[in-house]
PDB file of all heavy atoms in Angstrom:
ATOM      1  N   VAL A   1      90.818 -23.040 -21.187  1.00  0.00           N
ATOM      2  CA  VAL A   1      90.802 -24.384 -20.750  1.00  0.00           C
ATOM      3  C   VAL A   1      89.707 -25.161 -21.533  1.00  0.00           C
ATOM      4  O   VAL A   1      90.011 -26.276 -22.012  1.00  0.00           O
ATOM      5  CB  VAL A   1      90.435 -24.489 -19.279  1.00  0.00           C
ATOM      6  CG1 VAL A   1      90.162 -25.891 -18.819  1.00  0.00           C
ATOM      7  CG2 VAL A   1      91.525 -23.787 -18.425  1.00  0.00           C
ATOM      8  N   ALA A   2      88.555 -24.540 -21.743  1.00  0.00           N
ATOM      9  CA  ALA A   2      87.460 -25.222 -22.426  1.00  0.00           C
ATOM     10  C   ALA A   2      86.552 -24.255 -23.051  1.00  0.00           C
ATOM     11  O   ALA A   2      86.552 -23.023 -22.651  1.00  0.00           O
ATOM     12  CB  ALA A   2      86.699 -26.095 -21.428  1.00  0.00           C
ATOM     13  N   GLN A   3      85.779 -24.710 -24.006  1.00  0.00           N
ATOM     14  CA  GLN A   3      84.948 -23.806 -24.743  1.00  0.00           C
ATOM     15  C   GLN A   3      83.729 -24.582 -25.131  1.00  0.00           C
ATOM     16  O   GLN A   3      83.792 -25.742 -25.563  1.00  0.00           O
ATOM     17  CB  GLN A   3      85.650 -23.316 -25.999  1.00  0.00           C
ATOM     18  CG  GLN A   3      84.882 -22.463 -26.967  1.00  0.00           C
ATOM     19  CD  GLN A   3      85.741 -22.089 -28.149  1.00  0.00           C
ATOM     20  OE1 GLN A   3      85.916 -22.919 -29.043  1.00  0.00           O
ATOM     21  NE2 GLN A   3      86.257 -20.892 -28.184  1.00  0.00           N
ATOM     22  N   ILE A   4      82.546 -23.933 -25.127  1.00  0.00           N
ATOM     23  CA  ILE A   4      81.318 -24.541 -25.687  1.00  0.00           C
ATOM     24  C   ILE A   4      80.752 -23.510 -26.665  1.00  0.00           C
ATOM     25  O   ILE A   4      80.467 -22.357 -26.217  1.00  0.00           O
ATOM     26  CB  ILE A   4      80.320 -25.037 -24.597  1.00  0.00           C
ATOM     27  CG1 ILE A   4      79.121 -25.676 -25.293  1.00  0.00           C
ATOM     28  CG2 ILE A   4      79.950 -23.951 -23.614  1.00  0.00           C
ATOM     29  CD1 ILE A   4      78.279 -26.511 -24.328  1.00  0.00           C
ATOM     30  N   THR A   5      80.609 -23.884 -27.855  1.00  0.00           N
ATOM     31  CA  THR A   5      80.146 -22.918 -28.908  1.00  0.00           C
ATOM     32  C   THR A   5      78.626 -22.873 -28.949  1.00  0.00           C
ATOM     33  O   THR A   5      77.928 -23.634 -28.334  1.00  0.00           O
ATOM     34  CB  THR A   5      80.645 -23.341 -30.293  1.00  0.00           C
ATOM     35  OG1 THR A   5      80.006 -24.556 -30.773  1.00  0.00           O
ATOM     36  CG2 THR A   5      82.219 -23.610 -30.284  1.00  0.00           C
ATOM     37  N   SER A   6      78.130 -21.929 -29.723  1.00  0.00           N
ATOM     38  CA  SER A   6      76.726 -21.780 -29.857  1.00  0.00           C
ATOM     39  C   SER A   6      76.046 -23.043 -30.407  1.00  0.00           C
ATOM     40  O   SER A   6      74.954 -23.371 -30.167  1.00  0.00           O
ATOM     41  CB  SER A   6      76.368 -20.532 -30.689  1.00  0.00           C
ATOM     42  OG  SER A   6      77.011 -20.605 -31.982  1.00  0.00           O
ATOM     43  N   GLY A   7      76.824 -23.706 -31.280  1.00  0.00           N
ATOM     44  CA  GLY A   7      76.328 -24.925 -31.880  1.00  0.00           C
ATOM     45  C   GLY A   7      76.471 -26.134 -31.009  1.00  0.00           C
ATOM     46  O   GLY A   7      76.067 -27.276 -31.357  1.00  0.00           O
ATOM     47  N   GLY A   8      77.061 -25.923 -29.813  1.00  0.00           N
ATOM     48  CA  GLY A   8      77.167 -27.046 -28.887  1.00  0.00           C
ATOM     49  C   GLY A   8      78.465 -27.834 -28.937  1.00  0.00           C
ATOM     50  O   GLY A   8      78.732 -28.765 -28.181  1.00  0.00           O
ATOM     51  N   THR A   9      79.364 -27.371 -29.831  1.00  0.00           N
ATOM     52  CA  THR A   9      80.662 -28.009 -29.916  1.00  0.00           C
ATOM     53  C   THR A   9      81.538 -27.637 -28.762  1.00  0.00           C
ATOM     54  O   THR A   9      81.512 -26.503 -28.302  1.00  0.00           O
ATOM     55  CB  THR A   9      81.381 -27.588 -31.248  1.00  0.00           C
ATOM     56  OG1 THR A   9      80.566 -27.987 -32.344  1.00  0.00           O
ATOM     57  CG2 THR A   9      82.742 -28.221 -31.399  1.00  0.00           C
ATOM     58  N   THR A  10      82.236 -28.627 -28.241  1.00  0.00           N
ATOM     59  CA  THR A  10      83.174 -28.335 -27.130  1.00  0.00           C
ATOM     60  C   THR A  10      84.604 -28.538 -27.547  1.00  0.00           C
ATOM     61  O   THR A  10      84.894 -29.419 -28.367  1.00  0.00           O
ATOM     62  CB  THR A  10      82.830 -29.283 -25.929  1.00  0.00           C
ATOM     63  OG1 THR A  10      82.851 -30.618 -26.376  1.00  0.00           O
ATOM     64  CG2 THR A  10      81.521 -28.897 -25.321  1.00  0.00           C
ATOM     65  N   ASN A  11      85.476 -27.755 -26.996  1.00  0.00           N
ATOM     66  CA  ASN A  11      86.903 -27.791 -27.270  1.00  0.00           C
ATOM     67  C   ASN A  11      87.666 -27.690 -25.949  1.00  0.00           C
ATOM     68  O   ASN A  11      87.164 -27.009 -25.050  1.00  0.00           O
ATOM     69  CB  ASN A  11      87.331 -26.653 -28.246  1.00  0.00           C
ATOM     70  CG  ASN A  11      86.617 -26.731 -29.560  1.00  0.00           C
ATOM     71  OD1 ASN A  11      86.831 -27.683 -30.329  1.00  0.00           O
ATOM     72  ND2 ASN A  11      85.813 -25.777 -29.837  1.00  0.00           N
ATOM     73  N   TYR A  12      88.831 -28.370 -25.881  1.00  0.00           N
ATOM     74  CA  TYR A  12      89.572 -28.387 -24.655  1.00  0.00           C
ATOM     75  C   TYR A  12      91.024 -28.256 -24.896  1.00  0.00           C
ATOM     76  O   TYR A  12      91.541 -28.734 -25.963  1.00  0.00           O
ATOM     77  CB  TYR A  12      89.279 -29.744 -23.951  1.00  0.00           C
ATOM     78  CG  TYR A  12      87.840 -30.019 -23.685  1.00  0.00           C
ATOM     79  CD1 TYR A  12      87.101 -30.807 -24.562  1.00  0.00           C
ATOM     80  CD2 TYR A  12      87.205 -29.476 -22.512  1.00  0.00           C
ATOM     81  CE1 TYR A  12      85.748 -31.031 -24.305  1.00  0.00           C
ATOM     82  CE2 TYR A  12      85.821 -29.699 -22.345  1.00  0.00           C
ATOM     83  CZ  TYR A  12      85.137 -30.472 -23.221  1.00  0.00           C
ATOM     84  OH  TYR A  12      83.819 -30.746 -23.047  1.00  0.00           O
ATOM     85  N   VAL A  13      91.744 -27.661 -23.973  1.00  0.00           N
ATOM     86  CA  VAL A  13      93.212 -27.684 -24.038  1.00  0.00           C
ATOM     87  C   VAL A  13      93.658 -29.132 -23.745  1.00  0.00           C
ATOM     88  O   VAL A  13      92.947 -29.874 -23.050  1.00  0.00           O
ATOM     89  CB  VAL A  13      93.768 -26.697 -22.990  1.00  0.00           C
ATOM     90  CG1 VAL A  13      93.503 -27.137 -21.564  1.00  0.00           C
ATOM     91  CG2 VAL A  13      95.251 -26.415 -23.245  1.00  0.00           C
ATOM     92  N   ASP A  14      94.813 -29.524 -24.335  1.00  0.00           N
ATOM     93  CA  ASP A  14      95.204 -30.922 -24.261  1.00  0.00           C
ATOM     94  C   ASP A  14      95.315 -31.375 -22.808  1.00  0.00           C
ATOM     95  O   ASP A  14      95.081 -32.539 -22.522  1.00  0.00           O
ATOM     96  CB  ASP A  14      96.562 -31.044 -24.961  1.00  0.00           C
ATOM     97  CG  ASP A  14      96.415 -31.029 -26.462  1.00  0.00           C
ATOM     98  OD1 ASP A  14      95.310 -31.151 -26.964  1.00  0.00           O
ATOM     99  OD2 ASP A  14      97.482 -30.869 -27.162  1.00  0.00           O
ATOM    100  N   SER A  15      95.751 -30.536 -21.904  1.00  0.00           N
ATOM    101  CA  SER A  15      95.993 -30.925 -20.594  1.00  0.00           C
ATOM    102  C   SER A  15      94.761 -31.359 -19.817  1.00  0.00           C
ATOM    103  O   SER A  15      94.820 -32.017 -18.698  1.00  0.00           O
ATOM    104  CB  SER A  15      96.715 -29.821 -19.759  1.00  0.00           C
ATOM    105  OG  SER A  15      95.881 -28.671 -19.750  1.00  0.00           O
ATOM    106  N   VAL A  16      93.534 -31.037 -20.244  1.00  0.00           N
ATOM    107  CA  VAL A  16      92.327 -31.362 -19.587  1.00  0.00           C
ATOM    108  C   VAL A  16      91.465 -32.351 -20.392  1.00  0.00           C
ATOM    109  O   VAL A  16      90.404 -32.790 -19.921  1.00  0.00           O
ATOM    110  CB  VAL A  16      91.494 -30.190 -19.177  1.00  0.00           C
ATOM    111  CG1 VAL A  16      92.382 -29.185 -18.369  1.00  0.00           C
ATOM    112  CG2 VAL A  16      90.819 -29.486 -20.325  1.00  0.00           C
ATOM    113  N   LYS A  17      91.843 -32.669 -21.615  1.00  0.00           N
ATOM    114  CA  LYS A  17      91.029 -33.543 -22.463  1.00  0.00           C
ATOM    115  C   LYS A  17      90.828 -34.899 -21.738  1.00  0.00           C
ATOM    116  O   LYS A  17      91.783 -35.444 -21.189  1.00  0.00           O
ATOM    117  CB  LYS A  17      91.731 -33.762 -23.815  1.00  0.00           C
ATOM    118  CG  LYS A  17      91.535 -32.567 -24.702  1.00  0.00           C
ATOM    119  CD  LYS A  17      92.206 -32.841 -26.097  1.00  0.00           C
ATOM    120  CE  LYS A  17      92.026 -31.652 -27.013  1.00  0.00           C
ATOM    121  NZ  LYS A  17      92.713 -31.875 -28.344  1.00  0.00           N
ATOM    122  N   GLY A  18      89.612 -35.394 -21.763  1.00  0.00           N
ATOM    123  CA  GLY A  18      89.324 -36.665 -21.113  1.00  0.00           C
ATOM    124  C   GLY A  18      89.029 -36.511 -19.654  1.00  0.00           C
ATOM    125  O   GLY A  18      88.540 -37.421 -19.016  1.00  0.00           O
ATOM    126  N   ARG A  19      89.262 -35.297 -19.060  1.00  0.00           N
ATOM    127  CA  ARG A  19      88.986 -35.116 -17.622  1.00  0.00           C
ATOM    128  C   ARG A  19      87.887 -34.053 -17.397  1.00  0.00           C
ATOM    129  O   ARG A  19      87.148 -34.126 -16.434  1.00  0.00           O
ATOM    130  CB  ARG A  19      90.254 -34.718 -16.916  1.00  0.00           C
ATOM    131  CG  ARG A  19      91.374 -35.768 -17.021  1.00  0.00           C
ATOM    132  CD  ARG A  19      92.520 -35.360 -16.079  1.00  0.00           C
ATOM    133  NE  ARG A  19      93.165 -34.095 -16.449  1.00  0.00           N
ATOM    134  CZ  ARG A  19      93.258 -33.048 -15.590  1.00  0.00           C
ATOM    135  NH1 ARG A  19      92.772 -33.099 -14.394  1.00  0.00           N
ATOM    136  NH2 ARG A  19      93.872 -31.934 -16.016  1.00  0.00           N
ATOM    137  N   PHE A  20      87.893 -33.060 -18.222  1.00  0.00           N
ATOM    138  CA  PHE A  20      86.930 -31.908 -18.076  1.00  0.00           C
ATOM    139  C   PHE A  20      85.878 -32.028 -19.179  1.00  0.00           C
ATOM    140  O   PHE A  20      86.177 -32.423 -20.368  1.00  0.00           O
ATOM    141  CB  PHE A  20      87.634 -30.574 -18.232  1.00  0.00           C
ATOM    142  CG  PHE A  20      88.514 -30.218 -17.104  1.00  0.00           C
ATOM    143  CD1 PHE A  20      88.944 -31.136 -16.158  1.00  0.00           C
ATOM    144  CD2 PHE A  20      89.039 -28.903 -16.977  1.00  0.00           C
ATOM    145  CE1 PHE A  20      89.809 -30.775 -15.082  1.00  0.00           C
ATOM    146  CE2 PHE A  20      89.867 -28.526 -15.928  1.00  0.00           C
ATOM    147  CZ  PHE A  20      90.231 -29.506 -14.990  1.00  0.00           C
ATOM    148  N   THR A  21      84.649 -31.609 -18.805  1.00  0.00           N
ATOM    149  CA  THR A  21      83.567 -31.606 -19.741  1.00  0.00           C
ATOM    150  C   THR A  21      82.748 -30.335 -19.560  1.00  0.00           C
ATOM    151  O   THR A  21      82.289 -30.007 -18.488  1.00  0.00           O
ATOM    152  CB  THR A  21      82.629 -32.812 -19.542  1.00  0.00           C
ATOM    153  OG1 THR A  21      83.367 -34.017 -19.656  1.00  0.00           O
ATOM    154  CG2 THR A  21      81.501 -32.805 -20.578  1.00  0.00           C
ATOM    155  N   ALA A  22      82.645 -29.587 -20.653  1.00  0.00           N
ATOM    156  CA  ALA A  22      81.793 -28.382 -20.675  1.00  0.00           C
ATOM    157  C   ALA A  22      80.397 -28.710 -21.185  1.00  0.00           C
ATOM    158  O   ALA A  22      80.267 -29.500 -22.138  1.00  0.00           O
ATOM    159  CB  ALA A  22      82.415 -27.284 -21.555  1.00  0.00           C
ATOM    160  N   SER A  23      79.419 -28.152 -20.574  1.00  0.00           N
ATOM    161  CA  SER A  23      78.000 -28.334 -20.978  1.00  0.00           C
ATOM    162  C   SER A  23      77.178 -27.114 -20.629  1.00  0.00           C
ATOM    163  O   SER A  23      77.732 -26.179 -20.015  1.00  0.00           O
ATOM    164  CB  SER A  23      77.428 -29.590 -20.240  1.00  0.00           C
ATOM    165  OG  SER A  23      77.376 -29.349 -18.853  1.00  0.00           O
ATOM    166  N   ARG A  24      75.960 -27.095 -21.028  1.00  0.00           N
ATOM    167  CA  ARG A  24      75.149 -25.955 -20.765  1.00  0.00           C
ATOM    168  C   ARG A  24      73.707 -26.427 -20.548  1.00  0.00           C
ATOM    169  O   ARG A  24      73.260 -27.410 -21.002  1.00  0.00           O
ATOM    170  CB  ARG A  24      75.242 -24.932 -21.853  1.00  0.00           C
ATOM    171  CG  ARG A  24      74.621 -25.334 -23.183  1.00  0.00           C
ATOM    172  CD  ARG A  24      74.837 -24.362 -24.251  1.00  0.00           C
ATOM    173  NE  ARG A  24      74.231 -24.733 -25.532  1.00  0.00           N
ATOM    174  CZ  ARG A  24      74.680 -24.434 -26.664  1.00  0.00           C
ATOM    175  NH1 ARG A  24      75.809 -23.608 -26.817  1.00  0.00           N
ATOM    176  NH2 ARG A  24      74.093 -24.814 -27.792  1.00  0.00           N
ATOM    177  N   ASP A  25      73.008 -25.548 -19.794  1.00  0.00           N
ATOM    178  CA  ASP A  25      71.569 -25.718 -19.484  1.00  0.00           C
ATOM    179  C   ASP A  25      70.918 -24.477 -20.082  1.00  0.00           C
ATOM    180  O   ASP A  25      70.950 -23.380 -19.471  1.00  0.00           O
ATOM    181  CB  ASP A  25      71.359 -25.836 -18.012  1.00  0.00           C
ATOM    182  CG  ASP A  25      69.872 -25.984 -17.634  1.00  0.00           C
ATOM    183  OD1 ASP A  25      69.023 -25.685 -18.509  1.00  0.00           O
ATOM    184  OD2 ASP A  25      69.646 -26.408 -16.520  1.00  0.00           O
ATOM    185  N   ASN A  26      70.305 -24.646 -21.260  1.00  0.00           N
ATOM    186  CA  ASN A  26      69.698 -23.474 -21.931  1.00  0.00           C
ATOM    187  C   ASN A  26      68.577 -22.870 -21.082  1.00  0.00           C
ATOM    188  O   ASN A  26      68.379 -21.634 -21.104  1.00  0.00           O
ATOM    189  CB  ASN A  26      69.249 -23.865 -23.333  1.00  0.00           C
ATOM    190  CG  ASN A  26      70.346 -24.250 -24.243  1.00  0.00           C
ATOM    191  OD1 ASN A  26      71.537 -23.796 -24.103  1.00  0.00           O
ATOM    192  ND2 ASN A  26      70.053 -25.132 -25.211  1.00  0.00           N
ATOM    193  N   ALA A  27      67.818 -23.678 -20.481  1.00  0.00           N
ATOM    194  CA  ALA A  27      66.638 -23.215 -19.733  1.00  0.00           C
ATOM    195  C   ALA A  27      67.080 -22.274 -18.587  1.00  0.00           C
ATOM    196  O   ALA A  27      66.391 -21.361 -18.229  1.00  0.00           O
ATOM    197  CB  ALA A  27      65.810 -24.373 -19.161  1.00  0.00           C
ATOM    198  N   ASN A  28      68.219 -22.620 -17.933  1.00  0.00           N
ATOM    199  CA  ASN A  28      68.700 -21.859 -16.837  1.00  0.00           C
ATOM    200  C   ASN A  28      69.779 -20.870 -17.261  1.00  0.00           C
ATOM    201  O   ASN A  28      70.377 -20.190 -16.339  1.00  0.00           O
ATOM    202  CB  ASN A  28      69.201 -22.753 -15.709  1.00  0.00           C
ATOM    203  CG  ASN A  28      68.067 -23.475 -15.011  1.00  0.00           C
ATOM    204  OD1 ASN A  28      67.092 -22.842 -14.553  1.00  0.00           O
ATOM    205  ND2 ASN A  28      68.186 -24.753 -14.887  1.00  0.00           N
ATOM    206  N   ASN A  29      70.084 -20.863 -18.544  1.00  0.00           N
ATOM    207  CA  ASN A  29      71.091 -19.947 -19.093  1.00  0.00           C
ATOM    208  C   ASN A  29      72.428 -20.104 -18.293  1.00  0.00           C
ATOM    209  O   ASN A  29      73.051 -19.107 -17.889  1.00  0.00           O
ATOM    210  CB  ASN A  29      70.610 -18.490 -19.076  1.00  0.00           C
ATOM    211  CG  ASN A  29      71.268 -17.663 -20.152  1.00  0.00           C
ATOM    212  OD1 ASN A  29      71.528 -18.176 -21.249  1.00  0.00           O
ATOM    213  ND2 ASN A  29      71.428 -16.388 -19.897  1.00  0.00           N
ATOM    214  N   THR A  30      72.839 -21.323 -18.093  1.00  0.00           N
ATOM    215  CA  THR A  30      74.017 -21.598 -17.300  1.00  0.00           C
ATOM    216  C   THR A  30      74.953 -22.564 -18.033  1.00  0.00           C
ATOM    217  O   THR A  30      74.461 -23.469 -18.678  1.00  0.00           O
ATOM    218  CB  THR A  30      73.597 -22.183 -15.947  1.00  0.00           C
ATOM    219  OG1 THR A  30      72.795 -21.281 -15.205  1.00  0.00           O
ATOM    220  CG2 THR A  30      74.792 -22.547 -15.094  1.00  0.00           C
ATOM    221  N   VAL A  31      76.235 -22.351 -17.926  1.00  0.00           N
ATOM    222  CA  VAL A  31      77.212 -23.206 -18.460  1.00  0.00           C
ATOM    223  C   VAL A  31      77.962 -23.903 -17.358  1.00  0.00           C
ATOM    224  O   VAL A  31      78.202 -23.251 -16.246  1.00  0.00           O
ATOM    225  CB  VAL A  31      78.201 -22.404 -19.362  1.00  0.00           C
ATOM    226  CG1 VAL A  31      79.401 -23.239 -19.797  1.00  0.00           C
ATOM    227  CG2 VAL A  31      77.488 -21.875 -20.601  1.00  0.00           C
ATOM    228  N   TYR A  32      78.373 -25.129 -17.489  1.00  0.00           N
ATOM    229  CA  TYR A  32      79.023 -25.877 -16.487  1.00  0.00           C
ATOM    230  C   TYR A  32      80.387 -26.376 -16.972  1.00  0.00           C
ATOM    231  O   TYR A  32      80.620 -26.548 -18.173  1.00  0.00           O
ATOM    232  CB  TYR A  32      78.162 -27.104 -16.103  1.00  0.00           C
ATOM    233  CG  TYR A  32      76.827 -26.734 -15.614  1.00  0.00           C
ATOM    234  CD1 TYR A  32      75.706 -26.857 -16.451  1.00  0.00           C
ATOM    235  CD2 TYR A  32      76.612 -26.365 -14.265  1.00  0.00           C
ATOM    236  CE1 TYR A  32      74.439 -26.495 -15.975  1.00  0.00           C
ATOM    237  CE2 TYR A  32      75.355 -25.995 -13.821  1.00  0.00           C
ATOM    238  CZ  TYR A  32      74.239 -26.090 -14.681  1.00  0.00           C
ATOM    239  OH  TYR A  32      73.048 -25.748 -14.202  1.00  0.00           O
ATOM    240  N   LEU A  33      81.222 -26.643 -16.023  1.00  0.00           N
ATOM    241  CA  LEU A  33      82.517 -27.232 -16.294  1.00  0.00           C
ATOM    242  C   LEU A  33      82.659 -28.376 -15.278  1.00  0.00           C
ATOM    243  O   LEU A  33      82.951 -28.110 -14.139  1.00  0.00           O
ATOM    244  CB  LEU A  33      83.694 -26.260 -16.241  1.00  0.00           C
ATOM    245  CG  LEU A  33      85.015 -26.860 -16.644  1.00  0.00           C
ATOM    246  CD1 LEU A  33      84.978 -27.293 -18.192  1.00  0.00           C
ATOM    247  CD2 LEU A  33      86.205 -25.911 -16.418  1.00  0.00           C
ATOM    248  N   GLN A  34      82.457 -29.635 -15.731  1.00  0.00           N
ATOM    249  CA  GLN A  34      82.689 -30.792 -14.878  1.00  0.00           C
ATOM    250  C   GLN A  34      84.109 -31.173 -14.921  1.00  0.00           C
ATOM    251  O   GLN A  34      84.665 -31.415 -16.028  1.00  0.00           O
ATOM    252  CB  GLN A  34      81.795 -31.901 -15.348  1.00  0.00           C
ATOM    253  CG  GLN A  34      81.981 -33.222 -14.584  1.00  0.00           C
ATOM    254  CD  GLN A  34      81.481 -33.110 -13.141  1.00  0.00           C
ATOM    255  OE1 GLN A  34      80.429 -32.557 -12.945  1.00  0.00           O
ATOM    256  NE2 GLN A  34      82.263 -33.596 -12.173  1.00  0.00           N
ATOM    257  N   MET A  35      84.796 -31.221 -13.757  1.00  0.00           N
ATOM    258  CA  MET A  35      86.233 -31.475 -13.708  1.00  0.00           C
ATOM    259  C   MET A  35      86.398 -32.760 -12.889  1.00  0.00           C
ATOM    260  O   MET A  35      86.086 -32.774 -11.691  1.00  0.00           O
ATOM    261  CB  MET A  35      86.917 -30.268 -13.061  1.00  0.00           C
ATOM    262  CG  MET A  35      86.654 -28.947 -13.729  1.00  0.00           C
ATOM    263  SD  MET A  35      87.661 -27.571 -13.132  1.00  0.00           S
ATOM    264  CE  MET A  35      87.087 -27.540 -11.429  1.00  0.00           C
ATOM    265  N   ASN A  36      86.894 -33.740 -13.564  1.00  0.00           N
ATOM    266  CA  ASN A  36      87.220 -35.030 -12.841  1.00  0.00           C
ATOM    267  C   ASN A  36      88.700 -35.306 -12.827  1.00  0.00           C
ATOM    268  O   ASN A  36      89.458 -34.671 -13.595  1.00  0.00           O
ATOM    269  CB  ASN A  36      86.511 -36.139 -13.615  1.00  0.00           C
ATOM    270  CG  ASN A  36      84.986 -35.977 -13.603  1.00  0.00           C
ATOM    271  OD1 ASN A  36      84.377 -35.457 -12.674  1.00  0.00           O
ATOM    272  ND2 ASN A  36      84.308 -36.476 -14.707  1.00  0.00           N
ATOM    273  N   SER A  37      89.103 -36.250 -12.033  1.00  0.00           N
ATOM    274  CA  SER A  37      90.507 -36.634 -11.951  1.00  0.00           C
ATOM    275  C   SER A  37      91.399 -35.418 -11.787  1.00  0.00           C
ATOM    276  O   SER A  37      92.437 -35.309 -12.470  1.00  0.00           O
ATOM    277  CB  SER A  37      90.911 -37.406 -13.197  1.00  0.00           C
ATOM    278  OG  SER A  37      90.081 -38.610 -13.344  1.00  0.00           O
ATOM    279  N   LEU A  38      91.000 -34.589 -10.820  1.00  0.00           N
ATOM    280  CA  LEU A  38      91.750 -33.312 -10.685  1.00  0.00           C
ATOM    281  C   LEU A  38      93.150 -33.568 -10.217  1.00  0.00           C
ATOM    282  O   LEU A  38      93.465 -34.483  -9.409  1.00  0.00           O
ATOM    283  CB  LEU A  38      90.981 -32.390  -9.752  1.00  0.00           C
ATOM    284  CG  LEU A  38      89.782 -31.709 -10.379  1.00  0.00           C
ATOM    285  CD1 LEU A  38      88.873 -31.193  -9.289  1.00  0.00           C
ATOM    286  CD2 LEU A  38      90.228 -30.575 -11.284  1.00  0.00           C
ATOM    287  N   LYS A  39      94.032 -32.698 -10.696  1.00  0.00           N
ATOM    288  CA  LYS A  39      95.500 -32.777 -10.335  1.00  0.00           C
ATOM    289  C   LYS A  39      95.891 -31.508  -9.700  1.00  0.00           C
ATOM    290  O   LYS A  39      95.285 -30.405  -9.900  1.00  0.00           O
ATOM    291  CB  LYS A  39      96.274 -32.971 -11.639  1.00  0.00           C
ATOM    292  CG  LYS A  39      95.883 -34.206 -12.447  1.00  0.00           C
ATOM    293  CD  LYS A  39      96.669 -34.208 -13.757  1.00  0.00           C
ATOM    294  CE  LYS A  39      96.290 -35.375 -14.647  1.00  0.00           C
ATOM    295  NZ  LYS A  39      97.045 -35.418 -15.890  1.00  0.00           N
ATOM    296  N   PRO A  40      96.971 -31.538  -8.864  1.00  0.00           N
ATOM    297  CA  PRO A  40      97.444 -30.295  -8.264  1.00  0.00           C
ATOM    298  C   PRO A  40      97.755 -29.145  -9.299  1.00  0.00           C
ATOM    299  O   PRO A  40      97.499 -28.014  -8.953  1.00  0.00           O
ATOM    300  CB  PRO A  40      98.748 -30.714  -7.599  1.00  0.00           C
ATOM    301  CG  PRO A  40      98.549 -32.153  -7.264  1.00  0.00           C
ATOM    302  CD  PRO A  40      97.735 -32.695  -8.402  1.00  0.00           C
ATOM    303  N   GLU A  41      98.083 -29.517 -10.467  1.00  0.00           N
ATOM    304  CA  GLU A  41      98.367 -28.499 -11.486  1.00  0.00           C
ATOM    305  C   GLU A  41      97.096 -27.826 -12.039  1.00  0.00           C
ATOM    306  O   GLU A  41      97.163 -26.913 -12.821  1.00  0.00           O
ATOM    307  CB  GLU A  41      99.225 -29.062 -12.645  1.00  0.00           C
ATOM    308  CG  GLU A  41      98.695 -30.362 -13.200  1.00  0.00           C
ATOM    309  CD  GLU A  41      99.415 -31.618 -12.635  1.00  0.00           C
ATOM    310  OE1 GLU A  41      99.578 -31.638 -11.415  1.00  0.00           O
ATOM    311  OE2 GLU A  41      99.692 -32.498 -13.443  1.00  0.00           O
ATOM    312  N   ASP A  42      95.980 -28.355 -11.629  1.00  0.00           N
ATOM    313  CA  ASP A  42      94.668 -27.684 -12.001  1.00  0.00           C
ATOM    314  C   ASP A  42      94.327 -26.595 -11.120  1.00  0.00           C
ATOM    315  O   ASP A  42      93.344 -25.871 -11.336  1.00  0.00           O
ATOM    316  CB  ASP A  42      93.575 -28.756 -11.997  1.00  0.00           C
ATOM    317  CG  ASP A  42      93.701 -29.843 -13.046  1.00  0.00           C
ATOM    318  OD1 ASP A  42      94.084 -29.499 -14.208  1.00  0.00           O
ATOM    319  OD2 ASP A  42      93.390 -30.999 -12.763  1.00  0.00           O
ATOM    320  N   THR A  43      95.136 -26.452 -10.046  1.00  0.00           N
ATOM    321  CA  THR A  43      94.832 -25.360  -9.092  1.00  0.00           C
ATOM    322  C   THR A  43      94.982 -23.987  -9.745  1.00  0.00           C
ATOM    323  O   THR A  43      95.970 -23.717 -10.421  1.00  0.00           O
ATOM    324  CB  THR A  43      95.856 -25.427  -7.862  1.00  0.00           C
ATOM    325  OG1 THR A  43      95.623 -26.618  -7.172  1.00  0.00           O
ATOM    326  CG2 THR A  43      95.689 -24.230  -6.968  1.00  0.00           C
ATOM    327  N   ALA A  44      93.915 -23.244  -9.663  1.00  0.00           N
ATOM    328  CA  ALA A  44      93.876 -21.949 -10.326  1.00  0.00           C
ATOM    329  C   ALA A  44      92.539 -21.225 -10.026  1.00  0.00           C
ATOM    330  O   ALA A  44      91.619 -21.836  -9.423  1.00  0.00           O
ATOM    331  CB  ALA A  44      93.960 -22.117 -11.858  1.00  0.00           C
TER     332      ALA A  44
END
């Protein structure tokens, strides 16, 4: 669905582009996936 590289580049499958955003918090060693405008087909 989404990817965040070591360089900070993000990539998304077409079906979620513009709706999902991957990010990370280096201090907390955590990666996030913000999902907006969710659709029933996002159920998984």
